[in-house]
C-alpha atoms as a PDB file:
ATOM      1  CA  VAL A   1     -44.379 -42.357  14.652  1.00  0.00           C
ATOM      2  CA  THR A   2     -46.725 -41.121  17.367  1.00  0.00           C
ATOM      3  CA  GLU A   3     -45.998 -38.542  20.059  1.00  0.00           C
ATOM      4  CA  ALA A   4     -46.389 -41.258  22.676  1.00  0.00           C
ATOM      5  CA  GLY A   5     -43.819 -43.349  20.831  1.00  0.00           C
ATOM      6  CA  ILE A   6     -41.359 -40.460  20.719  1.00  0.00           C
ATOM      7  CA  LYS A   7     -41.890 -39.743  24.423  1.00  0.00           C
ATOM      8  CA  CYS A   8     -41.326 -43.422  25.193  1.00  0.00           C
ATOM      9  CA  LEU A   9     -38.081 -43.422  23.206  1.00  0.00           C
ATOM     10  CA  ARG A  10     -36.845 -40.303  24.999  1.00  0.00           C
ATOM     11  CA  GLU A  11     -37.605 -41.828  28.391  1.00  0.00           C
ATOM     12  CA  ARG A  12     -35.738 -45.024  27.490  1.00  0.00           C
ATOM     13  CA  LYS A  13     -32.428 -43.319  26.710  1.00  0.00           C
ATOM     14  CA  THR A  14     -30.349 -45.847  28.604  1.00  0.00           C
ATOM     15  CA  GLN A  15     -26.911 -47.157  27.679  1.00  0.00           C
ATOM     16  CA  ILE A  16     -28.492 -50.351  26.382  1.00  0.00           C
ATOM     17  CA  THR A  17     -30.838 -48.597  23.946  1.00  0.00           C
ATOM     18  CA  ASN A  18     -28.016 -46.305  22.831  1.00  0.00           C
ATOM     19  CA  LEU A  19     -25.804 -49.330  22.226  1.00  0.00           C
ATOM     20  CA  HIS A  20     -28.502 -51.027  20.157  1.00  0.00           C
ATOM     21  CA  PHE A  21     -29.046 -47.803  18.193  1.00  0.00           C
ATOM     22  CA  GLU A  22     -25.317 -47.402  17.483  1.00  0.00           C
ATOM     23  CA  ARG A  23     -25.044 -51.027  16.407  1.00  0.00           C
ATOM     24  CA  ALA A  24     -28.046 -50.676  14.077  1.00  0.00           C
ATOM     25  CA  LEU A  25     -26.626 -47.442  12.664  1.00  0.00           C
ATOM     26  CA  LEU A  26     -23.249 -49.078  12.022  1.00  0.00           C
ATOM     27  CA  GLU A  27     -24.981 -51.973  10.249  1.00  0.00           C
ATOM     28  CA  ILE A  28     -26.912 -49.540   8.028  1.00  0.00           C
ATOM     29  CA  LEU A  29     -23.764 -47.561   7.187  1.00  0.00           C
ATOM     30  CA  ASP A  30     -21.883 -50.788   6.471  1.00  0.00           C
ATOM     31  CA  LYS A  31     -24.647 -51.951   4.118  1.00  0.00           C
ATOM     32  CA  GLU A  32     -24.651 -48.598   2.305  1.00  0.00           C
ATOM     33  CA  HIS A  33     -20.872 -48.795   1.941  1.00  0.00           C
ATOM     34  CA  ASN A  34     -21.117 -52.320   0.526  1.00  0.00           C
ATOM     35  CA  VAL A  35     -23.846 -51.236  -1.894  1.00  0.00           C
ATOM     36  CA  LYS A  36     -21.739 -48.314  -3.130  1.00  0.00           C
ATOM     37  CA  GLU A  37     -18.720 -50.588  -3.608  1.00  0.00           C
ATOM     38  CA  TYR A  38     -20.926 -53.031  -5.513  1.00  0.00           C
ATOM     39  CA  ILE A  39     -22.339 -50.289  -7.755  1.00  0.00           C
ATOM     40  CA  TYR A  40     -19.000 -48.616  -8.510  1.00  0.00           C
ATOM     41  CA  SER A  41     -16.935 -51.766  -8.987  1.00  0.00           C
END
């Protein structure tokens, strides 16, 4: 990740980008949860 990329991300902190980030984060957490259930079951 470049400095320009980080600066661009900081400048684009709108509700839309935050929503997309939260949705992506929830998907990742959900996948991790499913993987753990699969491993431990």
